[in-house]
Amino acid sequence: PLSLFFLSSTSITPSLFLMLAHKINLSPILDTSTLDVTHSSSSFSEDEKCILEDQGFVMPPGHILHANLSKQNDKLPFHSDNSWSDTKKYESPLNPEIKFKHGTTTLSFIFQGGIIVAVDSRSTMGSYIASGSVKKVIEINSYLLGTMAGGAADCSFWERHLGRECRLWELRNKERISVAAASKILSNITYSYKGYGLSMGTMVAGWDKTGPNLYYVDDDGTRLKGQRFSVGSGSTYAYGVLDSGYKWDLSVEEAIELGRRSIFHATHRDAFSGGSVNVYHVHKDGWTKISSQDVTQLFYEKYDPKLRV
């Protein structure tokens, strides 16, 4: 009945149907043990070519399309003498041609007035700058912030999911979730996906009934509590400025300037960081976004060495 419905609803030839059936894994419910279908790209009508392309079959002119629907054959439903059909090489994490390049600079530190979170806004794909205005601070709730470093999709999705989990926790327990519990939820999630290819280096910063707290969580489930962290390709440059200027008793204005200056100098030296410097302050009443300033503007207005003369 399924095959009759498929044929009647699309008006395609039986051989084309069998190829699409193998593509969408219908072969286990079809008697296809003796069927072997071979076509050249010129033997299909234009409508049939459109259907094949919609289903993921790419058909360069003159190539042979082959479908062996034997239940014992678990290979691709088509082959060619050329490498255009060799998609398996893109699935191996050991393939040296496929590299997951990423770059960013994020930092956070605790001081007497709360927590400063500072990030850049550049998104890169290798040497290509994909965006200069990425929001790398995820506002989990009114008292919790998360940062993004690594794969933008992984960080964004799982930290927004963490926001939903935190809200559910509050509804169940009738109180605001602690920073430790929120970071542990994220750590448990990333640990459960260990080895699946996630790319995450995040910080969870917030204020709860114990005061300001800061945790680092990454894609293999590592969870560390600390007073200051920097994550990303520009983190070594940021650490150099941050460690030299950090004191517990910084004023709020001094702490904001330290975070902004640390990110700026990282963007100045690291090609994969740039865009704008976004600064947040977490305090007992929640978090406040302090500023978002373009790094080029900062250079000419504040940090150009010529201004010191």
Protein backbone atom coordinates (compact mmCIF):
# COMPACT_ATOMS: atom_id res chain seq x y z
CA PRO A 1 0.00 0.00 0.00
CA LEU A 2 2.83 2.41 0.76
CA SER A 3 4.47 1.83 -2.62
CA LEU A 4 1.16 2.23 -4.46
CA PHE A 5 0.51 5.50 -2.62
CA PHE A 6 4.00 6.76 -3.45
CA LEU A 7 3.59 5.94 -7.14
CA SER A 8 0.09 7.34 -7.45
CA SER A 9 0.93 10.54 -5.59
CA THR A 10 4.07 11.43 -7.56
CA SER A 11 3.44 9.83 -10.98
CA ILE A 12 7.00 8.57 -11.41
CA THR A 13 8.35 5.44 -13.07
CA PRO A 14 8.80 2.22 -11.04
CA SER A 15 12.59 2.32 -11.44
CA LEU A 16 12.76 5.89 -10.13
CA PHE A 17 10.53 4.90 -7.24
CA LEU A 18 12.86 2.03 -6.31
CA MET A 19 15.86 4.36 -6.22
CA LEU A 20 14.02 6.84 -3.99
CA ALA A 21 12.76 3.96 -1.83
CA HIS A 22 16.35 2.93 -1.16
CA LYS A 23 17.25 6.57 -0.43
CA ILE A 24 14.58 6.90 2.28
CA ASN A 25 15.29 3.41 3.60
CA LEU A 26 12.10 1.64 2.47
CA SER A 27 14.03 -1.41 1.23
CA PRO A 28 13.45 -3.41 4.46
CA ILE A 29 9.69 -3.51 3.70
CA LEU A 30 10.05 -4.09 -0.08
CA ASP A 31 10.90 -7.31 -1.87
CA THR A 32 13.95 -5.86 -3.59
CA SER A 33 16.40 -8.75 -3.33
CA THR A 34 16.56 -9.32 -7.11
CA LEU A 35 16.17 -5.76 -8.39
CA ASP A 36 18.98 -3.89 -10.03
CA VAL A 37 18.31 -0.56 -11.74
CA THR A 38 20.80 1.39 -13.84
CA HIS A 39 20.17 4.70 -15.62
CA SER A 40 22.21 7.41 -17.24
CA SER A 41 21.39 11.00 -16.37
CA SER A 42 19.92 11.53 -19.84
CA SER A 43 17.32 8.76 -19.45
CA PHE A 44 15.23 10.65 -16.86
CA SER A 45 12.68 13.31 -17.66
CA GLU A 46 13.16 16.83 -16.31
CA ASP A 47 10.47 16.24 -13.66
CA GLU A 48 12.18 13.03 -12.55
CA LYS A 49 15.55 14.81 -12.36
CA CYS A 50 13.97 17.44 -10.11
CA ILE A 51 12.60 14.73 -7.83
CA LEU A 52 16.01 13.04 -7.63
CA GLU A 53 17.76 16.33 -6.85
CA ASP A 54 15.21 17.12 -4.13
CA GLN A 55 16.05 13.78 -2.52
CA GLY A 56 19.79 14.44 -2.57
CA PHE A 57 20.87 12.76 -5.81
CA VAL A 58 23.33 14.99 -7.68
CA MET A 59 23.49 14.11 -11.39
CA PRO A 60 26.28 15.71 -13.43
CA PRO A 61 25.71 15.33 -17.21
CA GLY A 62 26.93 12.06 -18.67
CA HIS A 63 27.34 10.25 -15.34
CA ILE A 64 25.85 6.85 -14.64
CA LEU A 65 23.38 6.50 -11.80
CA HIS A 66 23.22 3.00 -10.34
CA ALA A 67 20.92 1.55 -7.70
CA ASN A 68 21.49 -1.91 -6.33
CA LEU A 69 18.60 -2.62 -4.00
CA SER A 70 19.89 -5.88 -2.59
CA LYS A 71 19.23 -6.19 1.12
CA GLN A 72 22.82 -7.30 1.56
CA ASN A 73 24.19 -4.12 -0.08
CA ASP A 74 24.49 -1.28 2.42
CA LYS A 75 26.49 1.04 0.18
CA LEU A 76 25.42 4.34 -1.34
CA PRO A 77 22.54 3.92 -3.83
CA PHE A 78 24.68 5.31 -6.65
CA HIS A 79 28.28 5.35 -7.75
CA SER A 80 30.59 7.02 -10.23
CA ASP A 81 34.16 6.77 -11.36
CA ASN A 82 34.68 10.33 -10.12
CA SER A 83 34.95 11.51 -6.50
CA TRP A 84 31.84 13.71 -6.57
CA SER A 85 29.77 10.90 -5.02
CA ASP A 86 32.31 10.01 -2.31
CA THR A 87 30.50 11.67 0.59
CA LYS A 88 31.85 9.23 3.20
CA LYS A 89 35.08 11.18 3.48
CA TYR A 90 33.16 14.11 5.00
CA GLU A 91 31.81 11.93 7.81
CA SER A 92 35.14 10.89 9.32
CA PRO A 93 36.47 13.04 12.20
CA LEU A 94 39.95 11.69 11.39
CA ASN A 95 39.97 13.17 7.89
CA PRO A 96 42.72 15.83 7.83
CA GLU A 97 40.87 17.74 5.09
CA ILE A 98 37.92 18.45 7.39
CA LYS A 99 38.93 20.81 10.18
CA PHE A 100 36.56 22.55 12.58
CA LYS A 101 38.23 25.95 12.88
CA HIS A 102 36.81 28.45 15.32
CA GLY A 103 37.98 31.57 17.11
CA THR A 104 36.71 33.96 19.76
CA THR A 105 37.65 35.68 23.00
CA THR A 106 35.46 35.60 26.09
CA LEU A 107 36.31 36.29 29.72
CA SER A 108 34.67 36.60 33.10
CA PHE A 109 35.93 37.37 36.59
CA ILE A 110 34.59 37.89 40.10
CA PHE A 111 35.47 40.96 42.14
CA GLN A 112 34.06 42.69 45.22
CA GLY A 113 31.24 44.31 43.23
CA GLY A 114 29.99 41.20 41.42
CA ILE A 115 31.05 39.63 38.12
CA ILE A 116 32.24 41.19 34.87
CA VAL A 117 31.53 39.30 31.63
CA ALA A 118 33.22 40.62 28.49
CA VAL A 119 33.21 39.14 24.97
CA ASP A 120 34.00 40.01 21.37
CA SER A 121 31.49 39.62 18.53
CA ARG A 122 33.38 38.08 15.57
CA SER A 123 32.30 34.77 14.01
CA THR A 124 34.81 33.04 11.74
CA MET A 125 34.93 30.00 9.46
CA GLY A 126 38.65 29.48 9.13
CA SER A 127 40.09 32.69 7.71
CA TYR A 128 36.65 33.86 6.53
CA ILE A 129 34.84 36.35 8.76
CA ALA A 130 31.24 35.20 8.74
CA SER A 131 29.85 37.92 11.02
CA GLY A 132 31.01 40.85 13.09
CA SER A 133 27.94 41.20 15.29
CA VAL A 134 27.40 37.86 17.03
CA LYS A 135 25.82 37.97 20.45
CA LYS A 136 28.15 35.74 22.47
CA VAL A 137 26.49 36.33 25.83
CA ILE A 138 23.38 34.20 26.31
CA GLU A 139 20.95 35.69 28.82
CA ILE A 140 19.79 32.52 30.57
CA ASN A 141 17.54 34.34 33.03
CA SER A 142 17.52 37.59 35.00
CA TYR A 143 20.40 36.46 37.24
CA LEU A 144 22.35 34.08 34.98
CA LEU A 145 24.56 34.66 31.93
CA GLY A 146 26.33 32.18 29.67
CA THR A 147 29.12 32.80 27.18
CA MET A 148 29.77 31.18 23.78
CA ALA A 149 33.11 29.84 22.53
CA GLY A 150 33.50 27.01 20.02
CA GLY A 151 30.66 26.08 17.72
CA ALA A 152 28.04 28.82 17.65
CA ALA A 153 25.16 26.40 17.05
CA ASP A 154 26.15 24.07 19.90
CA CYS A 155 26.63 26.86 22.44
CA SER A 156 23.54 28.79 21.43
CA PHE A 157 21.23 25.77 21.38
CA TRP A 158 22.33 24.15 24.63
CA GLU A 159 22.52 27.38 26.63
CA ARG A 160 19.03 28.36 25.50
CA HIS A 161 17.95 24.86 26.45
CA LEU A 162 19.59 25.48 29.84
CA GLY A 163 17.36 28.54 30.22
CA ARG A 164 14.28 26.33 29.77
CA GLU A 165 15.63 23.79 32.25
CA CYS A 166 16.29 26.55 34.81
CA ARG A 167 12.74 27.83 34.46
CA LEU A 168 11.33 24.34 34.94
CA TRP A 169 13.52 23.90 38.03
CA GLU A 170 12.15 27.14 39.48
CA LEU A 171 8.55 26.07 38.86
CA ARG A 172 9.15 22.73 40.58
CA ASN A 173 11.10 24.08 43.57
CA LYS A 174 9.48 27.52 44.02
CA GLU A 175 12.85 29.28 44.21
CA ARG A 176 15.53 30.58 41.89
CA ILE A 177 18.08 28.03 40.72
CA SER A 178 21.65 28.36 41.99
CA VAL A 179 24.57 28.97 39.66
CA ALA A 180 26.10 25.66 40.76
CA ALA A 181 22.94 23.72 39.86
CA ALA A 182 22.57 25.47 36.49
CA SER A 183 26.18 24.77 35.54
CA LYS A 184 25.78 21.15 36.67
CA ILE A 185 22.75 20.71 34.39
CA LEU A 186 24.80 21.99 31.43
CA SER A 187 27.76 19.82 32.41
CA ASN A 188 25.56 16.72 32.60
CA ILE A 189 24.16 17.47 29.13
CA THR A 190 27.58 17.93 27.52
CA TYR A 191 28.96 14.83 29.26
CA SER A 192 26.08 12.75 27.92
CA TYR A 193 27.06 13.88 24.40
CA LYS A 194 30.79 13.30 24.94
CA GLY A 195 32.41 11.99 21.77
CA TYR A 196 29.54 13.13 19.54
CA GLY A 197 31.43 16.14 18.18
CA LEU A 198 30.13 19.04 20.28
CA SER A 199 32.39 22.10 20.37
CA MET A 200 31.73 24.18 23.46
CA GLY A 201 33.78 26.20 25.91
CA THR A 202 31.32 28.14 28.02
CA MET A 203 31.17 30.09 31.25
CA VAL A 204 28.08 30.27 33.45
CA ALA A 205 28.08 33.38 35.64
CA GLY A 206 25.39 34.51 38.03
CA TRP A 207 24.28 35.68 41.44
CA ASP A 208 22.38 33.44 43.87
CA LYS A 209 21.79 33.32 47.64
CA THR A 210 25.47 32.46 48.20
CA GLY A 211 26.65 35.50 46.23
CA PRO A 212 28.47 35.73 42.89
CA ASN A 213 29.54 32.43 41.32
CA LEU A 214 31.42 31.56 38.15
CA TYR A 215 31.80 28.16 36.44
CA TYR A 216 33.54 26.94 33.31
CA VAL A 217 31.82 24.11 31.37
CA ASP A 218 33.09 22.52 28.16
CA ASP A 219 32.02 19.92 25.61
CA ASP A 220 33.41 16.87 27.41
CA GLY A 221 31.58 17.60 30.65
CA THR A 222 34.40 19.37 32.48
CA ARG A 223 33.04 21.75 35.13
CA LEU A 224 35.35 24.07 37.05
CA LYS A 225 34.61 26.74 39.63
CA GLY A 226 36.91 29.75 39.69
CA GLN A 227 37.36 33.48 40.11
CA ARG A 228 38.45 34.31 36.57
CA PHE A 229 38.36 32.50 33.23
CA SER A 230 39.07 33.34 29.61
CA VAL A 231 38.06 31.04 26.75
CA GLY A 232 38.78 31.11 23.03
CA SER A 233 41.58 31.56 20.53
CA GLY A 234 42.41 34.99 21.95
CA SER A 235 42.25 33.91 25.59
CA THR A 236 46.05 33.90 26.09
CA TYR A 237 46.23 37.57 25.11
CA ALA A 238 43.25 38.40 27.32
CA TYR A 239 44.78 36.53 30.28
CA GLY A 240 47.94 38.61 29.97
CA VAL A 241 46.02 41.85 30.48
CA LEU A 242 43.50 40.40 32.94
CA ASP A 243 46.07 38.81 35.27
CA SER A 244 48.23 41.92 35.35
CA GLY A 245 45.35 44.21 36.27
CA TYR A 246 43.13 42.01 38.45
CA LYS A 247 42.50 42.79 42.12
CA TRP A 248 39.63 41.67 44.32
CA ASP A 249 38.86 45.21 45.53
CA LEU A 250 38.47 46.79 42.09
CA SER A 251 35.75 49.39 41.83
CA VAL A 252 32.92 48.69 39.37
CA GLU A 253 34.30 51.25 36.92
CA GLU A 254 37.82 49.78 37.15
CA ALA A 255 36.52 46.23 36.68
CA ILE A 256 34.49 47.23 33.62
CA GLU A 257 37.52 48.93 32.09
CA LEU A 258 39.72 45.90 32.83
CA GLY A 259 37.30 43.55 31.08
CA ARG A 260 36.93 45.88 28.09
CA ARG A 261 40.69 46.43 27.78
CA SER A 262 41.44 42.69 28.03
CA ILE A 263 39.07 41.85 25.19
CA PHE A 264 40.30 44.76 23.08
CA HIS A 265 43.95 43.70 23.28
CA ALA A 266 42.95 40.11 22.43
CA THR A 267 41.11 41.31 19.31
CA HIS A 268 44.12 43.43 18.39
CA ARG A 269 46.47 40.41 18.37
CA ASP A 270 44.14 37.52 17.48
CA ALA A 271 42.89 37.50 13.88
CA PHE A 272 39.90 35.32 14.80
CA SER A 273 38.55 37.82 17.35
CA GLY A 274 37.14 41.26 16.66
CA GLY A 275 33.98 43.20 15.96
CA SER A 276 32.70 44.82 19.14
CA VAL A 277 33.49 44.49 22.84
CA ASN A 278 30.34 43.68 24.82
CA VAL A 279 30.53 44.10 28.59
CA TYR A 280 28.04 42.89 31.22
CA HIS A 281 27.98 43.40 34.99
CA VAL A 282 26.33 40.78 37.21
CA HIS A 283 25.28 42.10 40.62
CA LYS A 284 22.87 41.25 43.44
CA ASP A 285 19.89 42.66 41.53
CA GLY A 286 20.64 40.70 38.34
CA TRP A 287 22.76 41.57 35.32
CA THR A 288 23.19 44.81 33.42
CA LYS A 289 24.61 45.28 29.94
CA ILE A 290 27.17 48.04 30.26
CA SER A 291 28.38 48.73 26.75
CA SER A 292 28.94 47.51 23.20
CA GLN A 293 31.80 49.33 21.47
CA ASP A 294 33.49 48.73 18.12
CA VAL A 295 37.15 47.71 18.56
CA THR A 296 38.34 50.09 15.82
CA GLN A 297 36.62 52.98 17.53
CA LEU A 298 38.14 51.94 20.86
CA PHE A 299 41.60 51.85 19.32
CA TYR A 300 41.50 55.39 17.94
CA GLU A 301 39.67 56.90 20.92
CA LYS A 302 41.29 55.12 23.88
CA TYR A 303 44.01 52.59 23.19
CA ASP A 304 46.09 54.01 20.32
CA PRO A 305 49.70 54.26 21.62
CA LYS A 306 49.94 57.70 20.02
CA LEU A 307 47.39 58.99 22.54
CA ARG A 308 49.80 58.24 25.39
CA VAL A 309 52.46 60.64 24.12
